[in-house]
C-alpha atoms as a PDB file:
ATOM      1  CA  MET A   1       0.007   0.007   0.012  1.00  0.00           C
ATOM      2  CA  ARG A   2       0.993   3.655  -0.350  1.00  0.00           C
ATOM      3  CA  ALA A   3       1.564   5.660   2.812  1.00  0.00           C
ATOM      4  CA  LEU A   4       3.187   8.902   3.978  1.00  0.00           C
ATOM      5  CA  VAL A   5       6.386   7.769   5.747  1.00  0.00           C
ATOM      6  CA  TYR A   6       8.618   9.753   8.123  1.00  0.00           C
ATOM      7  CA  HIS A   7      12.240   9.722   6.940  1.00  0.00           C
ATOM      8  CA  GLY A   8      13.565  12.425   9.356  1.00  0.00           C
ATOM      9  CA  PRO A   9      13.022  16.127  10.039  1.00  0.00           C
ATOM     10  CA  GLU A  10      11.175  17.766   7.187  1.00  0.00           C
ATOM     11  CA  ASP A  11      11.328  14.648   5.113  1.00  0.00           C
ATOM     12  CA  ILE A  12       7.863  13.073   4.622  1.00  0.00           C
ATOM     13  CA  ARG A  13       7.483  10.860   1.457  1.00  0.00           C
ATOM     14  CA  CYS A  14       4.793   8.896  -0.152  1.00  0.00           C
ATOM     15  CA  ASP A  15       6.288   5.397  -0.082  1.00  0.00           C
ATOM     16  CA  THR A  16       5.079   1.700  -0.350  1.00  0.00           C
ATOM     17  CA  LEU A  17       4.657  -0.194   2.853  1.00  0.00           C
ATOM     18  CA  PRO A  18       3.426  -3.693   3.406  1.00  0.00           C
ATOM     19  CA  ASP A  19      -0.348  -4.052   3.543  1.00  0.00           C
ATOM     20  CA  PRO A  20      -1.580  -4.167   7.185  1.00  0.00           C
ATOM     21  CA  SER A  21      -3.331  -7.050   8.833  1.00  0.00           C
ATOM     22  CA  PRO A  22      -5.407  -7.017  12.077  1.00  0.00           C
ATOM     23  CA  PRO A  23      -2.923  -6.488  14.885  1.00  0.00           C
ATOM     24  CA  ASP A  24      -4.744  -8.992  17.191  1.00  0.00           C
ATOM     25  CA  VAL A  25      -7.973 -10.908  17.346  1.00  0.00           C
ATOM     26  CA  ASP A  26      -9.684  -7.754  18.565  1.00  0.00           C
ATOM     27  CA  GLY A  27      -8.265  -5.585  15.701  1.00  0.00           C
ATOM     28  CA  ALA A  28      -9.407  -4.458  12.333  1.00  0.00           C
ATOM     29  CA  VAL A  29      -8.048  -3.163   9.031  1.00  0.00           C
ATOM     30  CA  ILE A  30      -9.578   0.053   7.583  1.00  0.00           C
ATOM     31  CA  ARG A  31      -9.400   1.073   3.934  1.00  0.00           C
ATOM     32  CA  ILE A  32      -8.799   4.798   4.347  1.00  0.00           C
ATOM     33  CA  GLU A  33     -11.327   7.128   2.660  1.00  0.00           C
ATOM     34  CA  ARG A  34      -9.941  10.439   3.928  1.00  0.00           C
ATOM     35  CA  ALA A  35      -7.138  11.501   6.275  1.00  0.00           C
ATOM     36  CA  ALA A  36      -5.931  14.920   7.517  1.00  0.00           C
ATOM     37  CA  ILE A  37      -2.666  16.544   8.669  1.00  0.00           C
ATOM     38  CA  CYS A  38      -2.872  17.737  12.226  1.00  0.00           C
ATOM     39  CA  GLY A  39      -0.942  20.600  13.829  1.00  0.00           C
ATOM     40  CA  SER A  40       0.741  18.135  16.139  1.00  0.00           C
ATOM     41  CA  ASP A  41       1.978  16.226  13.089  1.00  0.00           C
ATOM     42  CA  LEU A  42       4.230  19.219  12.554  1.00  0.00           C
ATOM     43  CA  HIS A  43       6.033  18.496  15.799  1.00  0.00           C
ATOM     44  CA  LEU A  44       7.104  15.175  14.317  1.00  0.00           C
ATOM     45  CA  TYR A  45       7.840  16.796  10.934  1.00  0.00           C
ATOM     46  CA  HIS A  46      10.235  19.251  12.598  1.00  0.00           C
ATOM     47  CA  GLY A  47      11.926  16.389  14.387  1.00  0.00           C
ATOM     48  CA  HIS A  48      10.756  17.063  17.894  1.00  0.00           C
ATOM     49  CA  MET A  49       9.023  13.792  18.696  1.00  0.00           C
ATOM     50  CA  SER A  50      10.781  10.729  17.362  1.00  0.00           C
ATOM     51  CA  SER A  51      14.268   9.423  16.539  1.00  0.00           C
ATOM     52  CA  GLU A  52      12.885   6.485  14.641  1.00  0.00           C
ATOM     53  CA  THR A  53      12.236   6.597  10.865  1.00  0.00           C
ATOM     54  CA  GLY A  54      10.602   4.517   8.196  1.00  0.00           C
ATOM     55  CA  TYR A  55       7.022   4.417   9.615  1.00  0.00           C
ATOM     56  CA  GLY A  56       3.661   5.657   8.428  1.00  0.00           C
ATOM     57  CA  VAL A  57       2.424   8.916   9.907  1.00  0.00           C
ATOM     58  CA  GLY A  58      -0.930  10.523  10.757  1.00  0.00           C
ATOM     59  CA  HIS A  59      -3.656  10.033  13.358  1.00  0.00           C
ATOM     60  CA  GLU A  60      -6.778  11.634  11.774  1.00  0.00           C
ATOM     61  CA  ALA A  61      -8.458   9.078   9.484  1.00  0.00           C
ATOM     62  CA  ILE A  62     -11.793   7.519   8.508  1.00  0.00           C
ATOM     63  CA  GLY A  63     -12.634   4.725   6.186  1.00  0.00           C
ATOM     64  CA  GLU A  64     -14.318   1.383   5.592  1.00  0.00           C
ATOM     65  CA  ILE A  65     -13.548  -1.801   7.481  1.00  0.00           C
ATOM     66  CA  VAL A  66     -12.182  -4.487   5.159  1.00  0.00           C
ATOM     67  CA  GLU A  67     -11.155  -7.081   7.704  1.00  0.00           C
ATOM     68  CA  VAL A  68     -11.860  -7.832  11.418  1.00  0.00           C
ATOM     69  CA  GLY A  69     -10.271 -10.122  13.910  1.00  0.00           C
ATOM     70  CA  SER A  70     -12.327 -13.027  15.305  1.00  0.00           C
ATOM     71  CA  GLY A  71     -12.838 -11.178  18.644  1.00  0.00           C
ATOM     72  CA  VAL A  72     -14.425  -8.093  17.203  1.00  0.00           C
ATOM     73  CA  ARG A  73     -18.112  -7.802  18.169  1.00  0.00           C
ATOM     74  CA  ARG A  74     -19.454  -4.345  17.295  1.00  0.00           C
ATOM     75  CA  PHE A  75     -18.177  -3.963  13.742  1.00  0.00           C
ATOM     76  CA  ARG A  76     -17.987  -6.039  10.530  1.00  0.00           C
ATOM     77  CA  SER A  77     -16.524  -5.539   7.035  1.00  0.00           C
ATOM     78  CA  GLY A  78     -18.258  -2.811   5.138  1.00  0.00           C
ATOM     79  CA  ASP A  79     -18.906  -0.547   8.079  1.00  0.00           C
ATOM     80  CA  ARG A  80     -17.771   3.035   7.671  1.00  0.00           C
ATOM     81  CA  VAL A  81     -15.988   4.233  10.738  1.00  0.00           C
ATOM     82  CA  LEU A  82     -13.848   7.016  12.222  1.00  0.00           C
ATOM     83  CA  VAL A  83     -10.736   6.127  14.173  1.00  0.00           C
ATOM     84  CA  SER A  84      -9.710   7.608  17.435  1.00  0.00           C
ATOM     85  CA  GLY A  85      -6.348   9.223  17.017  1.00  0.00           C
ATOM     86  CA  VAL A  86      -5.485   8.158  20.645  1.00  0.00           C
ATOM     87  CA  VAL A  87      -6.010   4.579  21.753  1.00  0.00           C
ATOM     88  CA  GLY A  88      -5.817   2.696  25.096  1.00  0.00           C
ATOM     89  CA  CYS A  89      -5.920  -0.959  26.218  1.00  0.00           C
ATOM     90  CA  ALA A  90      -9.761  -1.084  25.960  1.00  0.00           C
ATOM     91  CA  GLU A  91      -9.837  -3.259  29.002  1.00  0.00           C
ATOM     92  CA  CYS A  92      -9.268  -1.129  32.165  1.00  0.00           C
ATOM     93  CA  GLY A  93     -12.001   0.874  33.799  1.00  0.00           C
ATOM     94  CA  PRO A  94     -11.096   4.228  32.247  1.00  0.00           C
ATOM     95  CA  CYS A  95     -10.746   2.785  28.757  1.00  0.00           C
ATOM     96  CA  ARG A  96     -14.109   1.083  28.938  1.00  0.00           C
ATOM     97  CA  THR A  97     -15.633   4.559  29.491  1.00  0.00           C
ATOM     98  CA  GLY A  98     -13.690   6.119  26.616  1.00  0.00           C
ATOM     99  CA  ASN A  99     -11.172   7.871  28.856  1.00  0.00           C
ATOM    100  CA  VAL A 100      -8.185   6.395  27.043  1.00  0.00           C
ATOM    101  CA  ALA A 101      -5.854   9.134  28.334  1.00  0.00           C
ATOM    102  CA  ALA A 102      -6.275   7.583  31.856  1.00  0.00           C
ATOM    103  CA  CYS A 103      -5.459   4.025  30.707  1.00  0.00           C
ATOM    104  CA  GLU A 104      -4.355   1.997  33.689  1.00  0.00           C
ATOM    105  CA  THR A 105      -2.343  -0.508  31.672  1.00  0.00           C
ATOM    106  CA  ALA A 106       0.013   1.759  29.758  1.00  0.00           C
ATOM    107  CA  PRO A 107       0.310   5.330  28.527  1.00  0.00           C
ATOM    108  CA  ALA A 108      -2.254   6.195  25.759  1.00  0.00           C
ATOM    109  CA  MET A 109      -0.851   5.571  22.318  1.00  0.00           C
ATOM    110  CA  VAL A 110      -1.116   7.963  19.242  1.00  0.00           C
ATOM    111  CA  PHE A 111      -1.137   6.589  15.711  1.00  0.00           C
ATOM    112  CA  GLY A 112       1.699   7.563  13.521  1.00  0.00           C
ATOM    113  CA  VAL A 113       4.426   8.781  15.851  1.00  0.00           C
ATOM    114  CA  ASN A 114       6.593   5.673  15.993  1.00  0.00           C
ATOM    115  CA  GLN A 115       7.020   2.112  14.575  1.00  0.00           C
ATOM    116  CA  GLY A 116       4.699   0.657  17.206  1.00  0.00           C
ATOM    117  CA  LEU A 117       1.511   2.129  15.781  1.00  0.00           C
ATOM    118  CA  PRO A 118       1.749   3.126  12.170  1.00  0.00           C
ATOM    119  CA  GLY A 119      -0.468   5.997  11.026  1.00  0.00           C
ATOM    120  CA  GLY A 120      -3.512   6.575   8.887  1.00  0.00           C
ATOM    121  CA  GLN A 121      -2.133   8.916   6.138  1.00  0.00           C
ATOM    122  CA  ALA A 122      -2.212   5.780   4.013  1.00  0.00           C
ATOM    123  CA  GLU A 123      -4.359   3.623   1.849  1.00  0.00           C
ATOM    124  CA  ALA A 124      -5.042   1.322   4.781  1.00  0.00           C
ATOM    125  CA  LEU A 125      -4.672   1.190   8.621  1.00  0.00           C
ATOM    126  CA  ALA A 126      -4.467  -1.502  11.221  1.00  0.00           C
ATOM    127  CA  VAL A 127      -6.449  -0.552  14.318  1.00  0.00           C
ATOM    128  CA  PRO A 128      -5.994  -2.495  17.689  1.00  0.00           C
ATOM    129  CA  LYS A 129      -8.989  -3.184  19.949  1.00  0.00           C
ATOM    130  CA  ALA A 130     -11.472  -2.116  17.287  1.00  0.00           C
ATOM    131  CA  ASP A 131     -14.607  -2.277  19.436  1.00  0.00           C
ATOM    132  CA  ALA A 132     -13.242   0.474  21.691  1.00  0.00           C
ATOM    133  CA  ASN A 133     -11.237   2.540  19.213  1.00  0.00           C
ATOM    134  CA  LEU A 134     -13.633   2.921  16.286  1.00  0.00           C
ATOM    135  CA  CYS A 135     -16.928   4.722  16.008  1.00  0.00           C
ATOM    136  CA  ALA A 136     -19.560   4.086  13.297  1.00  0.00           C
ATOM    137  CA  ILE A 137     -20.133   7.107  11.183  1.00  0.00           C
ATOM    138  CA  PRO A 138     -23.870   7.912  11.632  1.00  0.00           C
ATOM    139  CA  GLU A 139     -26.238   9.256   9.027  1.00  0.00           C
ATOM    140  CA  GLY A 140     -26.001  13.059   8.706  1.00  0.00           C
ATOM    141  CA  ILE A 141     -22.254  13.211   9.370  1.00  0.00           C
ATOM    142  CA  THR A 142     -20.186  14.101   6.228  1.00  0.00           C
ATOM    143  CA  ALA A 143     -16.745  12.546   5.606  1.00  0.00           C
ATOM    144  CA  GLU A 144     -15.048  15.862   6.366  1.00  0.00           C
ATOM    145  CA  GLN A 145     -16.875  16.252   9.656  1.00  0.00           C
ATOM    146  CA  ALA A 146     -16.048  12.649  10.576  1.00  0.00           C
ATOM    147  CA  VAL A 147     -12.278  13.272  10.025  1.00  0.00           C
ATOM    148  CA  LEU A 148     -12.529  16.229  12.413  1.00  0.00           C
ATOM    149  CA  LEU A 149     -14.136  13.987  14.995  1.00  0.00           C
ATOM    150  CA  THR A 150     -11.075  11.772  15.057  1.00  0.00           C
ATOM    151  CA  ASP A 151      -9.026  14.328  16.956  1.00  0.00           C
ATOM    152  CA  ILE A 152      -9.164  18.114  16.662  1.00  0.00           C
ATOM    153  CA  LEU A 153     -12.857  18.735  17.432  1.00  0.00           C
ATOM    154  CA  PRO A 154     -12.733  16.557  20.514  1.00  0.00           C
ATOM    155  CA  THR A 155      -9.431  18.199  21.472  1.00  0.00           C
ATOM    156  CA  GLY A 156     -10.887  21.750  21.157  1.00  0.00           C
ATOM    157  CA  TYR A 157     -13.822  20.626  23.243  1.00  0.00           C
ATOM    158  CA  PHE A 158     -11.514  19.031  25.782  1.00  0.00           C
ATOM    159  CA  GLY A 159      -9.789  22.472  26.057  1.00  0.00           C
ATOM    160  CA  ALA A 160     -13.103  24.219  26.620  1.00  0.00           C
ATOM    161  CA  VAL A 161     -14.282  21.722  29.246  1.00  0.00           C
ATOM    162  CA  GLY A 162     -10.918  22.035  31.078  1.00  0.00           C
ATOM    163  CA  ALA A 163     -11.328  25.763  31.127  1.00  0.00           C
ATOM    164  CA  GLU A 164     -14.569  25.432  33.151  1.00  0.00           C
ATOM    165  CA  ILE A 165     -16.137  28.325  31.229  1.00  0.00           C
ATOM    166  CA  GLN A 166     -19.111  29.957  33.058  1.00  0.00           C
ATOM    167  CA  PRO A 167     -21.771  32.019  31.290  1.00  0.00           C
ATOM    168  CA  GLY A 168     -20.749  35.572  31.100  1.00  0.00           C
ATOM    169  CA  GLN A 169     -17.013  35.066  31.486  1.00  0.00           C
ATOM    170  CA  ASP A 170     -14.202  36.172  29.201  1.00  0.00           C
ATOM    171  CA  VAL A 171     -12.123  33.516  27.501  1.00  0.00           C
ATOM    172  CA  ALA A 172      -8.954  33.753  25.509  1.00  0.00           C
ATOM    173  CA  VAL A 173      -7.616  31.164  22.973  1.00  0.00           C
ATOM    174  CA  ILE A 174      -3.973  31.346  22.241  1.00  0.00           C
ATOM    175  CA  GLY A 175      -3.324  29.904  18.723  1.00  0.00           C
ATOM    176  CA  CYS A 176      -5.902  29.987  15.980  1.00  0.00           C
ATOM    177  CA  GLY A 177      -4.615  26.979  14.060  1.00  0.00           C
ATOM    178  CA  PRO A 178      -7.150  24.189  13.495  1.00  0.00           C
ATOM    179  CA  VAL A 179      -7.314  23.047  17.152  1.00  0.00           C
ATOM    180  CA  GLY A 180      -7.563  26.668  18.399  1.00  0.00           C
ATOM    181  CA  LEU A 181     -10.431  27.263  15.969  1.00  0.00           C
ATOM    182  CA  MET A 182     -12.174  24.174  17.253  1.00  0.00           C
ATOM    183  CA  ALA A 183     -11.613  25.421  20.831  1.00  0.00           C
ATOM    184  CA  ILE A 184     -13.306  28.664  19.828  1.00  0.00           C
ATOM    185  CA  LEU A 185     -16.295  26.710  18.411  1.00  0.00           C
ATOM    186  CA  ALA A 186     -16.508  24.587  21.551  1.00  0.00           C
ATOM    187  CA  ALA A 187     -16.075  27.504  23.967  1.00  0.00           C
ATOM    188  CA  GLY A 188     -19.169  29.083  22.429  1.00  0.00           C
ATOM    189  CA  LEU A 189     -21.226  26.226  23.725  1.00  0.00           C
ATOM    190  CA  PHE A 190     -20.654  27.423  27.262  1.00  0.00           C
ATOM    191  CA  SER A 191     -22.003  31.029  26.725  1.00  0.00           C
ATOM    192  CA  PRO A 192     -18.952  33.176  27.526  1.00  0.00           C
ATOM    193  CA  ALA A 193     -19.376  36.895  27.172  1.00  0.00           C
ATOM    194  CA  ARG A 194     -16.412  37.263  24.888  1.00  0.00           C
ATOM    195  CA  ILE A 195     -13.801  34.998  23.344  1.00  0.00           C
ATOM    196  CA  PHE A 196     -10.504  36.585  22.436  1.00  0.00           C
ATOM    197  CA  ALA A 197      -8.410  34.851  19.690  1.00  0.00           C
ATOM    198  CA  LEU A 198      -4.702  35.408  19.825  1.00  0.00           C
ATOM    199  CA  ASP A 199      -2.435  34.637  16.806  1.00  0.00           C
ATOM    200  CA  SER A 200      -0.088  36.359  14.365  1.00  0.00           C
ATOM    201  CA  VAL A 201      -1.385  34.903  11.106  1.00  0.00           C
ATOM    202  CA  ALA A 202      -3.900  37.082   9.292  1.00  0.00           C
ATOM    203  CA  GLU A 203      -5.782  34.180   7.722  1.00  0.00           C
ATOM    204  CA  ARG A 204      -6.220  32.432  11.105  1.00  0.00           C
ATOM    205  CA  LEU A 205      -7.284  35.667  12.859  1.00  0.00           C
ATOM    206  CA  ALA A 206      -9.917  36.196  10.100  1.00  0.00           C
ATOM    207  CA  ALA A 207     -11.198  32.699  10.555  1.00  0.00           C
ATOM    208  CA  ALA A 208     -11.503  33.281  14.266  1.00  0.00           C
ATOM    209  CA  ALA A 209     -13.358  36.520  13.777  1.00  0.00           C
ATOM    210  CA  GLY A 210     -15.727  34.672  11.441  1.00  0.00           C
ATOM    211  CA  LEU A 211     -16.593  32.453  14.472  1.00  0.00           C
ATOM    212  CA  GLY A 212     -17.367  35.535  16.510  1.00  0.00           C
ATOM    213  CA  ALA A 213     -14.109  35.778  18.412  1.00  0.00           C
ATOM    214  CA  ILE A 214     -12.330  39.114  18.953  1.00  0.00           C
ATOM    215  CA  PRO A 215      -9.008  38.883  17.137  1.00  0.00           C
ATOM    216  CA  VAL A 216      -5.795  39.963  18.817  1.00  0.00           C
ATOM    217  CA  ASP A 217      -2.702  40.201  16.609  1.00  0.00           C
ATOM    218  CA  VAL A 218       0.138  39.126  18.918  1.00  0.00           C
ATOM    219  CA  SER A 219       2.790  40.284  16.397  1.00  0.00           C
ATOM    220  CA  ALA A 220       1.507  43.853  16.918  1.00  0.00           C
ATOM    221  CA  ASP A 221       0.769  43.401  20.624  1.00  0.00           C
ATOM    222  CA  PRO A 222       3.188  40.858  22.004  1.00  0.00           C
ATOM    223  CA  LEU A 223       2.448  41.721  25.656  1.00  0.00           C
ATOM    224  CA  GLY A 224      -1.301  41.348  25.302  1.00  0.00           C
ATOM    225  CA  GLN A 225      -2.054  44.904  26.258  1.00  0.00           C
ATOM    226  CA  GLN A 226      -5.247  44.798  24.162  1.00  0.00           C
ATOM    227  CA  LEU A 227      -6.496  41.786  26.097  1.00  0.00           C
ATOM    228  CA  LEU A 228      -5.536  43.459  29.359  1.00  0.00           C
ATOM    229  CA  ASP A 229      -7.258  46.744  28.474  1.00  0.00           C
ATOM    230  CA  ALA A 230     -10.427  44.989  27.223  1.00  0.00           C
ATOM    231  CA  THR A 231     -10.829  43.175  30.540  1.00  0.00           C
ATOM    232  CA  GLY A 232     -10.274  46.098  32.841  1.00  0.00           C
ATOM    233  CA  GLY A 233      -6.697  45.128  33.602  1.00  0.00           C
ATOM    234  CA  LEU A 234      -7.656  41.790  34.976  1.00  0.00           C
ATOM    235  CA  GLY A 235      -7.198  39.382  32.055  1.00  0.00           C
ATOM    236  CA  PRO A 236      -9.712  36.687  30.995  1.00  0.00           C
ATOM    237  CA  HIS A 237     -11.235  34.200  33.335  1.00  0.00           C
ATOM    238  CA  ALA A 238      -9.813  31.343  31.360  1.00  0.00           C
ATOM    239  CA  VAL A 239      -7.203  30.764  28.673  1.00  0.00           C
ATOM    240  CA  ILE A 240      -7.104  27.844  26.305  1.00  0.00           C
ATOM    241  CA  GLU A 241      -3.670  27.310  24.918  1.00  0.00           C
ATOM    242  CA  ALA A 242      -3.594  25.543  21.580  1.00  0.00           C
ATOM    243  CA  VAL A 243      -0.042  25.879  20.388  1.00  0.00           C
ATOM    244  CA  GLY A 244       2.211  23.950  22.783  1.00  0.00           C
ATOM    245  CA  ALA A 245       5.182  26.257  22.467  1.00  0.00           C
ATOM    246  CA  ASP A 246       7.106  27.344  25.607  1.00  0.00           C
ATOM    247  CA  ALA A 247       6.326  31.018  24.927  1.00  0.00           C
ATOM    248  CA  SER A 248       2.597  30.540  24.333  1.00  0.00           C
ATOM    249  CA  ILE A 249       2.108  28.450  27.535  1.00  0.00           C
ATOM    250  CA  GLN A 250       4.041  31.065  29.431  1.00  0.00           C
ATOM    251  CA  ALA A 251       1.774  33.727  27.855  1.00  0.00           C
ATOM    252  CA  ALA A 252      -1.318  31.808  28.956  1.00  0.00           C
ATOM    253  CA  ILE A 253      -0.232  31.829  32.512  1.00  0.00           C
ATOM    254  CA  GLY A 254       0.698  35.478  32.249  1.00  0.00           C
ATOM    255  CA  HIS A 255      -2.577  36.650  30.699  1.00  0.00           C
ATOM    256  CA  VAL A 256      -5.063  34.712  32.827  1.00  0.00           C
ATOM    257  CA  ARG A 257      -6.589  36.700  35.662  1.00  0.00           C
ATOM    258  CA  ARG A 258      -5.942  35.831  39.319  1.00  0.00           C
ATOM    259  CA  GLY A 259      -7.937  32.730  40.355  1.00  0.00           C
ATOM    260  CA  GLY A 260      -8.338  31.845  36.668  1.00  0.00           C
ATOM    261  CA  ILE A 261      -7.918  28.591  34.727  1.00  0.00           C
ATOM    262  CA  VAL A 262      -5.292  27.762  32.060  1.00  0.00           C
ATOM    263  CA  SER A 263      -6.247  24.721  29.866  1.00  0.00           C
ATOM    264  CA  VAL A 264      -3.457  23.594  27.718  1.00  0.00           C
ATOM    265  CA  VAL A 265      -4.165  21.322  24.675  1.00  0.00           C
ATOM    266  CA  GLY A 266      -1.117  22.271  22.632  1.00  0.00           C
ATOM    267  CA  VAL A 267       1.477  19.516  22.441  1.00  0.00           C
ATOM    268  CA  ASN A 268       4.682  20.141  24.480  1.00  0.00           C
ATOM    269  CA  VAL A 269       6.946  17.239  25.295  1.00  0.00           C
ATOM    270  CA  ARG A 270       9.863  19.016  26.980  1.00  0.00           C
ATOM    271  CA  LEU A 271      10.969  17.395  30.171  1.00  0.00           C
ATOM    272  CA  ASP A 272      12.670  20.631  31.281  1.00  0.00           C
ATOM    273  CA  PHE A 273       9.910  23.181  30.575  1.00  0.00           C
ATOM    274  CA  PRO A 274      10.617  26.320  32.553  1.00  0.00           C
ATOM    275  CA  PHE A 275       7.263  26.551  34.385  1.00  0.00           C
ATOM    276  CA  PRO A 276       6.780  29.964  36.074  1.00  0.00           C
ATOM    277  CA  MET A 277       5.896  28.444  39.478  1.00  0.00           C
ATOM    278  CA  ALA A 278       6.152  31.662  41.444  1.00  0.00           C
ATOM    279  CA  LEU A 279       3.791  33.509  39.101  1.00  0.00           C
ATOM    280  CA  ALA A 280       1.350  30.636  39.051  1.00  0.00           C
ATOM    281  CA  LEU A 281       1.490  30.506  42.866  1.00  0.00           C
ATOM    282  CA  MET A 282       0.914  34.204  43.403  1.00  0.00           C
ATOM    283  CA  LYS A 283      -1.962  34.287  40.903  1.00  0.00           C
ATOM    284  CA  ASN A 284      -3.574  31.211  42.445  1.00  0.00           C
ATOM    285  CA  ILE A 285      -4.422  29.712  39.088  1.00  0.00           C
ATOM    286  CA  THR A 286      -5.548  26.321  38.019  1.00  0.00           C
ATOM    287  CA  PHE A 287      -3.338  24.800  35.342  1.00  0.00           C
ATOM    288  CA  ARG A 288      -4.425  21.780  33.230  1.00  0.00           C
ATOM    289  CA  ILE A 289      -2.643  19.947  30.468  1.00  0.00           C
ATOM    290  CA  GLY A 290      -3.201  16.541  28.844  1.00  0.00           C
ATOM    291  CA  ILE A 291      -3.967  14.361  25.933  1.00  0.00           C
ATOM    292  CA  CYS A 292      -7.565  14.419  24.824  1.00  0.00           C
ATOM    293  CA  PRO A 293      -9.480  11.147  25.566  1.00  0.00           C
ATOM    294  CA  ILE A 294     -11.128  11.310  22.174  1.00  0.00           C
ATOM    295  CA  PRO A 295     -13.773   8.548  22.473  1.00  0.00           C
ATOM    296  CA  LEU A 296     -14.996  10.071  25.723  1.00  0.00           C
ATOM    297  CA  PHE A 297     -16.382  13.039  23.712  1.00  0.00           C
ATOM    298  CA  TRP A 298     -18.007  11.320  20.795  1.00  0.00           C
ATOM    299  CA  ALA A 299     -21.333  10.996  22.629  1.00  0.00           C
ATOM    300  CA  PRO A 300     -21.828  14.765  23.093  1.00  0.00           C
ATOM    301  CA  LEU A 301     -20.143  15.933  19.933  1.00  0.00           C
ATOM    302  CA  LEU A 302     -21.767  13.670  17.293  1.00  0.00           C
ATOM    303  CA  PRO A 303     -25.297  15.017  17.863  1.00  0.00           C
ATOM    304  CA  LEU A 304     -24.055  18.641  17.960  1.00  0.00           C
ATOM    305  CA  VAL A 305     -22.441  18.173  14.539  1.00  0.00           C
ATOM    306  CA  ARG A 306     -25.227  16.194  13.045  1.00  0.00           C
ATOM    307  CA  GLU A 307     -27.854  18.858  14.057  1.00  0.00           C
ATOM    308  CA  GLY A 308     -25.635  21.704  12.966  1.00  0.00           C
ATOM    309  CA  ARG A 309     -24.928  23.215  16.365  1.00  0.00           C
ATOM    310  CA  LEU A 310     -21.238  22.773  15.529  1.00  0.00           C
ATOM    311  CA  ALA A 311     -20.090  23.226  11.919  1.00  0.00           C
ATOM    312  CA  PRO A 312     -16.309  22.453  12.030  1.00  0.00           C
ATOM    313  CA  ASP A 313     -15.564  21.503   8.429  1.00  0.00           C
ATOM    314  CA  PHE A 314     -14.908  25.110   7.326  1.00  0.00           C
ATOM    315  CA  VAL A 315     -11.401  24.491   8.587  1.00  0.00           C
ATOM    316  CA  PHE A 316     -10.460  22.460   5.461  1.00  0.00           C
ATOM    317  CA  THR A 317      -8.924  24.943   3.034  1.00  0.00           C
ATOM    318  CA  HIS A 318      -6.866  22.502   0.924  1.00  0.00           C
ATOM    319  CA  ARG A 319      -7.628  19.083  -0.507  1.00  0.00           C
ATOM    320  CA  MET A 320      -4.723  17.075  -1.897  1.00  0.00           C
ATOM    321  CA  GLY A 321      -3.892  13.523  -2.885  1.00  0.00           C
ATOM    322  CA  LEU A 322      -1.757  11.135  -0.820  1.00  0.00           C
ATOM    323  CA  SER A 323       0.872  11.343  -3.587  1.00  0.00           C
ATOM    324  CA  GLU A 324       1.098  15.060  -2.843  1.00  0.00           C
ATOM    325  CA  GLY A 325       1.812  14.429   0.831  1.00  0.00           C
ATOM    326  CA  ALA A 326       5.333  15.952   0.871  1.00  0.00           C
ATOM    327  CA  GLU A 327       4.060  19.211  -0.582  1.00  0.00           C
ATOM    328  CA  ALA A 328       1.063  19.103   1.712  1.00  0.00           C
ATOM    329  CA  TYR A 329       3.293  18.938   4.780  1.00  0.00           C
ATOM    330  CA  HIS A 330       5.528  21.723   3.407  1.00  0.00           C
ATOM    331  CA  LEU A 331       2.538  23.925   2.644  1.00  0.00           C
ATOM    332  CA  PHE A 332       1.079  23.471   6.131  1.00  0.00           C
ATOM    333  CA  ALA A 333       4.420  23.969   7.898  1.00  0.00           C
ATOM    334  CA  GLN A 334       5.125  27.132   5.989  1.00  0.00           C
ATOM    335  CA  ARG A 335       1.564  28.478   6.394  1.00  0.00           C
ATOM    336  CA  ARG A 336       1.405  29.260   2.692  1.00  0.00           C
ATOM    337  CA  ASP A 337      -1.574  30.051   0.516  1.00  0.00           C
ATOM    338  CA  GLY A 338      -3.920  30.741   3.380  1.00  0.00           C
ATOM    339  CA  VAL A 339      -3.847  27.197   4.550  1.00  0.00           C
ATOM    340  CA  LEU A 340      -5.732  26.174   7.736  1.00  0.00           C
ATOM    341  CA  LYS A 341      -5.996  22.530   7.315  1.00  0.00           C
ATOM    342  CA  VAL A 342      -5.242  19.924   4.594  1.00  0.00           C
ATOM    343  CA  LEU A 343      -7.522  16.979   3.766  1.00  0.00           C
ATOM    344  CA  LEU A 344      -5.826  14.013   2.080  1.00  0.00           C
ATOM    345  CA  ASP A 345      -7.443  11.618  -0.430  1.00  0.00           C
ATOM    346  CA  PRO A 346      -5.604   8.205  -0.561  1.00  0.00           C
ATOM    347  CA  ALA A 347      -7.135   7.479  -3.906  1.00  0.00           C
ATOM    348  CA  SER A 348      -5.017  10.058  -5.652  1.00  0.00           C
END
């Protein structure tokens, strides 16, 4: 099969890999219909996540089941499904509820970041523990919407839930890439008075404004004075950080008001992160960070998308073939041509 393969920093190629088979009696093989490039894939692309090479990448994919193991009970060949980008053991208490990030057997695994769990930017994908890690695509959900339910929409919602937004509060979202835009969408469900969107890319700020957020160009206002002035010098009640960079996490802690909440969904894997402990202590803030337990949020999000309460698919600005994967990654990494998110078609 064809797949996008990691060969080292800034070196993604469309290569040929062996066809997958079910990884265990509880697994399945999916023929991929659509896949997408996630912002966190860029951490891998830039060489910040893995020293291994030669494996398929990507963790946002949907498709049709073509083979199931003998132990699979909920699905059969021919079913159209979306794949959770993060998977657990499926057997412990948290995993049985969908909270794969709290797996008691082992740390949650992400598709496409090492040899152990090859990714879905490919023609086919092997999925372990299919009954727990797949979700049937219901009527009324488009392919593009389904792809977004494999990671970034649940992750944005996870950020908003972690922010504990109360009606009438002010919220800031740092980073208006795809996950940040999903966080803005999700935050609106909790009736904040205002949502401030912080970024430096004009197209992303325009997209955030289109969702009703107040854009703040951090390249023109790096200290966040606009945010401070708009909130009477106090800062927002909650900040959702959707970048993962040291500076943006530090900014989230700096911008949030005293007694506020910082909810980080950006990916940062540094073991020596310079956390501003004294500032956090003096401001008496709540700080949260974690991997989104994607299956946990399918139950609330699927009906919201199906009924039009959430319309996330605007975020796809570019549609490219799998054979164009190298260019797609370069385009996304360089933020060229107004790109927000790239949808990949394995058939071309």
